[in-house]
Amino acid sequence: MEALAARLSQLDAHAEGAIRVVAFYDTLMRRRVDLPALARSSAGLAECVAGVRLHGTGRVVRASPDGTDASAPPGPASTTTPITLDEEEIGAVWLERAGPPHPLDDVLLDRLAIAVAAVVERYGPARTTMADPALVELAVSADCDEAGRARALRLLGFAADLPVRAVAVRSGVPLDRVAALLCPGRPAKAAPLADAGIVLVTATDSDTAADSASSQSELLPAGVRAGVGAAGDPVRSWREARTALRFTAERRPVVRYADLGALALLAEIPEDVARANHDVAAIARLARHPEDLETLDAFCATGSLRRAADRLHLHHSSVARRIEQITKTLGIELAHPAGLMRAGLALTAWRLLDS
């Protein structure tokens, strides 16, 4: 901006025109137009072909003075200006003017470059799915400073003014396919990290990615599990997503951290303390008989012999006999609400150890 002001002060006879150019682009930026609209407006103002190129995506936009996309082969650039963002050159803008440059071409391109940088910062590059794991790790790392995190998110294509939500995924299915199922129609980036796959997705107040993920859970391939963090700080969201992932199960493949409530505290219990607990140790012994473990899970989830029987596709009398035997094995009275809650907590704590 200082360089632009210095240039304006030297224009003398062209100062009024330069100010009008500045005001023209200020209006476009207030209207939050996209790259094609910027190129078309610039071509109309310059009365020649205007072009924009982004290095990161290789995207090129060229427009003719009549407001259409330039179809003719690119001509030589009469004037070119780099696009910079965070002191990094991210692309270039140019004019394809026949003959010598006009006096205001440099001013026009300076403002066009500033406007393009603002669009890139706001909306990011074109939507893709798989991302550079190093950039994703920077975005969710507690050791990264805020400036570095903002730059990583921008390079990943996330708008600066929208919150980001993290989803932790375990899957034998390619992550880009999982991301498309969990977050249909949303800007999302997926990458494998050390402890789990991650999907970063743009969230809005009216239609959150968490709601989208939950509604899409029935469409997920078998074996896919996903934990969903809250929108906002990517570091906290990733921590929450990994915790929620530990609470997933075959019958509950998608878990939102926000839905866990006080149950999330179980994830904070040290492993040796959990293993030494009498109830958790009893669940571990019960796990040697998968049908008993499945029956207990269904009964804890429904609180009813008949509903558990429906879930297991068994007669309720068969489930009643199993529950009676499980009660003796655990030493917990499952017919009482307190006993049922105790068994459910022990079952969840045991699963967290297994996760």
Protein backbone atom coordinates (compact mmCIF):
# COMPACT_ATOMS: atom_id res chain seq x y z
CA MET A 1 0.00 0.00 0.00
CA GLU A 2 2.91 2.41 0.72
CA ALA A 3 4.35 1.71 -2.71
CA LEU A 4 0.94 2.32 -4.25
CA ALA A 5 0.59 5.64 -2.40
CA ALA A 6 4.05 6.72 -3.57
CA ARG A 7 3.15 5.88 -7.14
CA LEU A 8 -0.13 7.79 -6.90
CA SER A 9 1.73 10.90 -5.69
CA GLN A 10 3.86 10.87 -8.87
CA LEU A 11 0.99 10.56 -11.33
CA ASP A 12 0.09 14.25 -11.39
CA ALA A 13 -2.20 14.50 -14.41
CA HIS A 14 -3.33 10.92 -13.93
CA ALA A 15 -3.94 11.16 -10.17
CA GLU A 16 -7.71 11.57 -10.53
CA GLY A 17 -7.91 8.53 -12.79
CA ALA A 18 -5.77 6.51 -10.38
CA ILE A 19 -8.04 7.38 -7.48
CA ARG A 20 -11.01 6.23 -9.53
CA VAL A 21 -9.21 2.93 -10.21
CA VAL A 22 -8.62 2.47 -6.48
CA ALA A 23 -12.26 3.23 -5.72
CA PHE A 24 -13.36 0.81 -8.46
CA TYR A 25 -11.50 -2.10 -6.85
CA ASP A 26 -12.55 -1.09 -3.34
CA THR A 27 -16.15 -1.46 -4.50
CA LEU A 28 -15.45 -4.90 -6.01
CA MET A 29 -13.80 -6.07 -2.78
CA ARG A 30 -16.72 -4.86 -0.69
CA ARG A 31 -19.01 -6.90 -2.92
CA ARG A 32 -16.78 -9.96 -2.29
CA VAL A 33 -16.67 -10.94 -5.96
CA ASP A 34 -14.86 -14.08 -7.11
CA LEU A 35 -11.84 -14.42 -9.43
CA PRO A 36 -13.77 -14.62 -12.74
CA ALA A 37 -15.73 -11.48 -11.82
CA LEU A 38 -12.48 -9.67 -10.94
CA ALA A 39 -10.95 -10.65 -14.27
CA ARG A 40 -14.05 -9.56 -16.24
CA SER A 41 -14.27 -6.24 -14.42
CA SER A 42 -10.57 -5.58 -14.93
CA ALA A 43 -10.77 -6.40 -18.63
CA GLY A 44 -13.70 -4.03 -19.03
CA LEU A 45 -11.88 -1.25 -17.18
CA ALA A 46 -8.62 -1.73 -19.09
CA GLU A 47 -10.37 -2.36 -22.42
CA CYS A 48 -8.12 -5.35 -23.10
CA VAL A 49 -7.75 -8.96 -21.99
CA ALA A 50 -6.94 -9.34 -18.26
CA GLY A 51 -5.54 -12.52 -16.71
CA VAL A 52 -5.06 -14.12 -13.28
CA ARG A 53 -2.86 -17.11 -12.46
CA LEU A 54 -2.53 -18.90 -9.08
CA HIS A 55 0.70 -20.85 -8.68
CA GLY A 56 -0.60 -23.31 -6.06
CA THR A 57 -3.48 -24.68 -8.14
CA GLY A 58 -2.30 -23.75 -11.62
CA ARG A 59 -5.64 -22.03 -12.16
CA VAL A 60 -5.71 -19.41 -14.95
CA VAL A 61 -8.59 -17.00 -15.56
CA ARG A 62 -8.60 -14.75 -18.65
CA ALA A 63 -11.40 -12.36 -19.57
CA SER A 64 -12.13 -10.17 -22.59
CA PRO A 65 -13.32 -6.54 -22.46
CA ASP A 66 -16.83 -7.65 -23.48
CA GLY A 67 -17.17 -9.56 -20.19
CA THR A 68 -16.73 -13.06 -21.62
CA ASP A 69 -13.97 -15.59 -21.01
CA ALA A 70 -11.09 -14.96 -23.36
CA SER A 71 -11.11 -17.76 -25.94
CA ALA A 72 -8.25 -16.57 -28.13
CA PRO A 73 -4.75 -17.92 -27.38
CA PRO A 74 -2.97 -15.80 -24.77
CA GLY A 75 -1.04 -12.90 -26.22
CA PRO A 76 2.13 -11.42 -24.75
CA ALA A 77 1.56 -9.66 -21.44
CA SER A 78 2.00 -5.91 -21.78
CA THR A 79 2.15 -5.45 -18.00
CA THR A 80 2.48 -8.06 -15.22
CA THR A 81 2.26 -7.76 -11.42
CA PRO A 82 2.87 -10.52 -8.83
CA ILE A 83 0.18 -11.49 -6.31
CA THR A 84 1.57 -11.68 -2.78
CA LEU A 85 -0.01 -12.98 0.40
CA ASP A 86 1.79 -13.21 3.75
CA GLU A 87 4.97 -12.08 1.97
CA GLU A 88 4.74 -15.07 -0.39
CA GLU A 89 4.22 -14.80 -4.15
CA ILE A 90 1.14 -16.90 -4.89
CA GLY A 91 0.45 -15.92 -8.49
CA ALA A 92 0.38 -13.11 -11.03
CA VAL A 93 -2.02 -10.77 -12.82
CA TRP A 94 -1.46 -9.23 -16.23
CA LEU A 95 -2.92 -7.29 -19.14
CA GLU A 96 -2.66 -8.33 -22.78
CA ARG A 97 -2.74 -4.89 -24.37
CA ALA A 98 -1.85 -4.38 -28.02
CA GLY A 99 0.70 -1.57 -28.16
CA PRO A 100 2.42 0.18 -25.27
CA PRO A 101 1.01 0.06 -21.71
CA HIS A 102 -1.32 2.84 -20.63
CA PRO A 103 -0.24 5.13 -17.79
CA LEU A 104 -2.72 3.63 -15.33
CA ASP A 105 -2.04 -0.04 -16.13
CA ASP A 106 0.38 -0.46 -13.22
CA VAL A 107 -2.12 1.04 -10.77
CA LEU A 108 -4.88 -1.16 -12.13
CA LEU A 109 -2.79 -4.33 -11.77
CA ASP A 110 -1.61 -3.38 -8.28
CA ARG A 111 -5.22 -3.14 -7.15
CA LEU A 112 -6.21 -6.27 -9.03
CA ALA A 113 -3.39 -8.19 -7.32
CA ILE A 114 -4.53 -6.97 -3.90
CA ALA A 115 -8.12 -7.95 -4.68
CA VAL A 116 -7.10 -11.44 -5.88
CA ALA A 117 -5.04 -11.99 -2.72
CA ALA A 118 -8.09 -11.08 -0.64
CA VAL A 119 -10.23 -13.58 -2.56
CA VAL A 120 -7.65 -16.35 -2.09
CA GLU A 121 -7.40 -15.61 1.63
CA ARG A 122 -11.18 -15.61 1.99
CA TYR A 123 -12.17 -18.58 -0.13
CA GLY A 124 -8.94 -20.51 -0.66
CA PRO A 125 -8.06 -22.51 -3.77
CA ALA A 126 -10.45 -24.80 -5.59
CA ARG A 127 -11.98 -27.66 -3.66
CA THR A 128 -9.98 -30.88 -3.50
CA THR A 129 -10.06 -33.74 -1.03
CA MET A 130 -6.67 -35.25 -0.27
CA ALA A 131 -4.18 -32.82 1.26
CA ASP A 132 -0.53 -32.54 2.19
CA PRO A 133 -0.26 -34.30 5.59
CA ALA A 134 2.42 -31.82 6.69
CA LEU A 135 0.03 -28.88 6.20
CA VAL A 136 -2.80 -30.72 7.99
CA GLU A 137 -0.51 -31.57 10.90
CA LEU A 138 0.48 -27.91 11.19
CA ALA A 139 -3.18 -26.90 11.22
CA VAL A 140 -4.00 -29.15 14.20
CA SER A 141 -0.68 -29.06 16.09
CA ALA A 142 -0.63 -27.39 19.50
CA ASP A 143 3.02 -26.49 18.86
CA CYS A 144 2.21 -24.34 15.81
CA ASP A 145 1.74 -20.59 16.32
CA GLU A 146 -1.45 -18.89 15.19
CA ALA A 147 0.15 -17.25 12.15
CA GLY A 148 1.51 -20.58 10.95
CA ARG A 149 -1.82 -22.29 11.56
CA ALA A 150 -3.73 -19.60 9.65
CA ARG A 151 -1.33 -19.92 6.73
CA ALA A 152 -1.64 -23.74 6.71
CA LEU A 153 -5.44 -23.54 6.70
CA ARG A 154 -5.38 -20.99 3.89
CA LEU A 155 -3.06 -23.16 1.80
CA LEU A 156 -5.39 -26.09 2.43
CA GLY A 157 -8.22 -24.02 0.95
CA PHE A 158 -10.23 -23.02 4.02
CA ALA A 159 -11.85 -19.60 4.19
CA ALA A 160 -10.47 -17.35 6.91
CA ASP A 161 -13.93 -16.31 8.15
CA LEU A 162 -15.47 -19.79 8.58
CA PRO A 163 -14.85 -22.28 11.42
CA VAL A 164 -13.17 -25.61 10.77
CA ARG A 165 -14.15 -28.95 12.29
CA ALA A 166 -11.91 -32.03 12.61
CA VAL A 167 -13.12 -35.60 12.07
CA ALA A 168 -10.90 -38.50 13.17
CA VAL A 169 -11.30 -41.59 10.98
CA ARG A 170 -10.28 -45.23 11.13
CA SER A 171 -10.91 -46.95 7.84
CA GLY A 172 -9.62 -49.43 5.33
CA VAL A 173 -11.44 -47.37 2.69
CA PRO A 174 -9.57 -44.48 0.99
CA LEU A 175 -9.92 -41.30 3.02
CA ASP A 176 -11.13 -39.21 0.10
CA ARG A 177 -14.10 -41.56 -0.31
CA VAL A 178 -14.86 -41.40 3.42
CA ALA A 179 -14.64 -37.59 3.35
CA ALA A 180 -17.10 -37.43 0.45
CA LEU A 181 -19.58 -39.61 2.38
CA LEU A 182 -19.19 -37.83 5.72
CA CYS A 183 -19.25 -34.29 4.35
CA PRO A 184 -21.17 -34.25 1.05
CA GLY A 185 -20.94 -30.94 -0.77
CA ARG A 186 -18.57 -29.45 1.80
CA PRO A 187 -15.03 -28.13 1.32
CA ALA A 188 -13.02 -30.88 3.03
CA LYS A 189 -9.40 -32.01 3.23
CA ALA A 190 -8.30 -35.50 4.24
CA ALA A 191 -4.87 -36.82 5.19
CA PRO A 192 -3.41 -39.82 7.03
CA LEU A 193 -1.75 -38.89 10.32
CA ALA A 194 0.17 -41.06 12.78
CA ASP A 195 -2.70 -42.12 15.04
CA ALA A 196 -5.73 -41.80 12.73
CA GLY A 197 -6.89 -40.42 9.44
CA ILE A 198 -8.16 -36.86 9.63
CA VAL A 199 -10.77 -34.96 7.68
CA LEU A 200 -10.90 -31.19 8.12
CA VAL A 201 -14.20 -29.70 6.98
CA THR A 202 -15.73 -26.24 6.85
CA ALA A 203 -18.63 -25.88 9.31
CA THR A 204 -21.44 -23.34 9.48
CA ASP A 205 -23.94 -22.48 12.19
CA SER A 206 -26.95 -23.56 10.16
CA ASP A 207 -25.69 -26.87 8.79
CA THR A 208 -22.82 -28.27 10.83
CA ALA A 209 -20.46 -30.93 9.62
CA ALA A 210 -21.26 -32.88 12.77
CA ASP A 211 -24.93 -33.09 11.80
CA SER A 212 -23.93 -34.01 8.28
CA ALA A 213 -21.58 -36.74 9.50
CA SER A 214 -24.21 -38.21 11.80
CA SER A 215 -26.86 -38.25 9.08
CA GLN A 216 -24.47 -39.97 6.67
CA SER A 217 -23.33 -42.72 9.11
CA GLU A 218 -25.63 -45.34 7.58
CA LEU A 219 -23.95 -44.80 4.21
CA LEU A 220 -20.45 -45.54 5.49
CA PRO A 221 -18.78 -48.77 4.37
CA ALA A 222 -18.55 -51.49 7.00
CA GLY A 223 -15.68 -51.01 9.42
CA VAL A 224 -15.40 -47.24 9.02
CA ARG A 225 -15.41 -45.32 12.32
CA ALA A 226 -15.47 -41.53 12.75
CA GLY A 227 -15.17 -39.23 15.76
CA VAL A 228 -16.35 -35.64 15.26
CA GLY A 229 -14.91 -32.67 17.15
CA ALA A 230 -16.55 -29.29 17.71
CA ALA A 231 -16.20 -26.45 15.20
CA GLY A 232 -13.75 -23.70 15.99
CA ASP A 233 -10.17 -24.11 17.15
CA PRO A 234 -8.65 -26.90 14.97
CA VAL A 235 -6.32 -28.04 17.78
CA ARG A 236 -9.17 -28.57 20.24
CA SER A 237 -11.42 -30.04 17.54
CA TRP A 238 -8.78 -32.63 16.59
CA ARG A 239 -8.25 -33.59 20.24
CA GLU A 240 -12.01 -33.98 20.70
CA ALA A 241 -12.35 -35.94 17.45
CA ARG A 242 -9.73 -38.47 18.53
CA THR A 243 -11.48 -38.89 21.88
CA ALA A 244 -14.87 -39.36 20.19
CA LEU A 245 -13.32 -41.94 17.86
CA ARG A 246 -12.46 -44.10 20.88
CA PHE A 247 -16.16 -44.27 21.79
CA THR A 248 -17.26 -45.60 18.39
CA ALA A 249 -18.53 -49.15 18.00
CA GLU A 250 -19.94 -51.37 15.29
CA ARG A 251 -23.47 -50.21 16.02
CA ARG A 252 -22.36 -46.62 16.54
CA PRO A 253 -19.79 -45.85 13.82
CA VAL A 254 -20.02 -42.05 14.13
CA VAL A 255 -19.75 -40.31 17.50
CA ARG A 256 -19.88 -36.56 18.13
CA TYR A 257 -17.76 -35.36 21.03
CA ALA A 258 -20.55 -32.95 21.99
CA ASP A 259 -22.90 -35.91 22.51
CA LEU A 260 -20.58 -37.64 24.97
CA GLY A 261 -21.06 -35.14 27.79
CA ALA A 262 -19.69 -36.52 31.07
CA LEU A 263 -18.84 -39.82 29.37
CA ALA A 264 -15.84 -38.07 27.82
CA LEU A 265 -14.28 -38.03 31.30
CA LEU A 266 -13.79 -41.80 31.04
CA ALA A 267 -11.18 -41.18 28.36
CA GLU A 268 -9.08 -39.29 30.94
CA ILE A 269 -8.76 -42.29 33.30
CA PRO A 270 -5.23 -43.81 33.23
CA GLU A 271 -5.16 -47.27 31.64
CA ASP A 272 -3.68 -49.03 34.68
CA VAL A 273 -6.40 -47.58 36.91
CA ALA A 274 -9.14 -48.71 34.51
CA ARG A 275 -7.71 -52.22 34.12
CA ALA A 276 -7.49 -52.66 37.89
CA ASN A 277 -11.17 -51.76 38.38
CA HIS A 278 -13.26 -54.78 39.45
CA ASP A 279 -16.13 -54.13 37.02
CA VAL A 280 -13.83 -53.48 34.05
CA ALA A 281 -11.90 -56.66 34.79
CA ALA A 282 -15.20 -58.57 34.86
CA ILE A 283 -16.14 -57.15 31.45
CA ALA A 284 -12.74 -58.29 30.14
CA ARG A 285 -13.53 -61.84 31.28
CA LEU A 286 -17.00 -61.63 29.74
CA ALA A 287 -15.43 -60.57 26.42
CA ARG A 288 -14.13 -64.12 26.00
CA HIS A 289 -17.73 -64.97 25.05
CA PRO A 290 -18.67 -62.57 22.19
CA GLU A 291 -22.39 -63.46 22.30
CA ASP A 292 -22.60 -62.48 25.97
CA LEU A 293 -20.77 -59.22 25.32
CA GLU A 294 -23.12 -58.43 22.43
CA THR A 295 -26.13 -59.18 24.61
CA LEU A 296 -24.89 -56.91 27.41
CA ASP A 297 -24.19 -54.15 24.89
CA ALA A 298 -27.72 -54.38 23.46
CA PHE A 299 -29.30 -54.45 26.92
CA CYS A 300 -27.28 -51.46 28.16
CA ALA A 301 -28.14 -49.51 24.99
CA THR A 302 -31.90 -50.20 25.16
CA GLY A 303 -32.61 -50.84 28.86
CA SER A 304 -35.28 -53.34 27.85
CA LEU A 305 -35.26 -57.10 27.32
CA ARG A 306 -37.71 -56.87 24.42
CA ARG A 307 -35.90 -54.02 22.64
CA ALA A 308 -32.58 -55.79 23.16
CA ALA A 309 -34.13 -58.96 21.71
CA ASP A 310 -35.32 -57.01 18.66
CA ARG A 311 -31.84 -55.60 18.15
CA LEU A 312 -30.27 -59.06 18.47
CA HIS A 313 -33.01 -60.79 16.42
CA LEU A 314 -33.65 -63.22 19.29
CA HIS A 315 -36.68 -64.18 21.37
CA HIS A 316 -36.92 -62.13 24.54
CA SER A 317 -36.84 -65.27 26.69
CA SER A 318 -33.46 -66.18 25.22
CA VAL A 319 -32.14 -62.72 26.03
CA ALA A 320 -33.57 -63.00 29.57
CA ARG A 321 -31.64 -66.23 30.16
CA ARG A 322 -28.43 -64.64 28.89
CA ILE A 323 -28.89 -61.54 31.07
CA GLU A 324 -29.45 -63.76 34.10
CA GLN A 325 -26.17 -65.57 33.45
CA ILE A 326 -24.31 -62.29 32.75
CA THR A 327 -25.62 -60.88 36.04
CA LYS A 328 -24.01 -63.78 37.89
CA THR A 329 -20.75 -63.44 35.96
CA LEU A 330 -20.41 -59.70 36.58
CA GLY A 331 -21.83 -59.66 40.08
CA ILE A 332 -23.92 -56.65 39.07
CA GLU A 333 -27.72 -56.55 39.38
CA LEU A 334 -28.66 -55.58 35.84
CA ALA A 335 -32.39 -55.41 36.62
CA HIS A 336 -31.82 -52.27 38.71
CA PRO A 337 -31.12 -48.88 37.03
CA ALA A 338 -27.99 -48.32 39.15
CA GLY A 339 -26.63 -51.74 38.20
CA LEU A 340 -27.38 -51.16 34.53
CA MET A 341 -25.57 -47.81 34.62
CA ARG A 342 -22.60 -49.42 36.39
CA ALA A 343 -22.37 -52.17 33.77
CA GLY A 344 -22.65 -49.63 30.96
CA LEU A 345 -19.81 -47.52 32.37
CA ALA A 346 -17.63 -50.60 32.83
CA LEU A 347 -18.35 -51.73 29.28
CA THR A 348 -17.45 -48.29 27.91
CA ALA A 349 -14.25 -48.10 29.98
CA TRP A 350 -13.21 -51.56 28.74
CA ARG A 351 -13.82 -50.52 25.13
CA LEU A 352 -11.67 -47.43 25.62
CA LEU A 353 -8.83 -49.71 26.72
CA ASP A 354 -9.34 -51.82 23.64
CA SER A 355 -9.38 -48.72 21.39
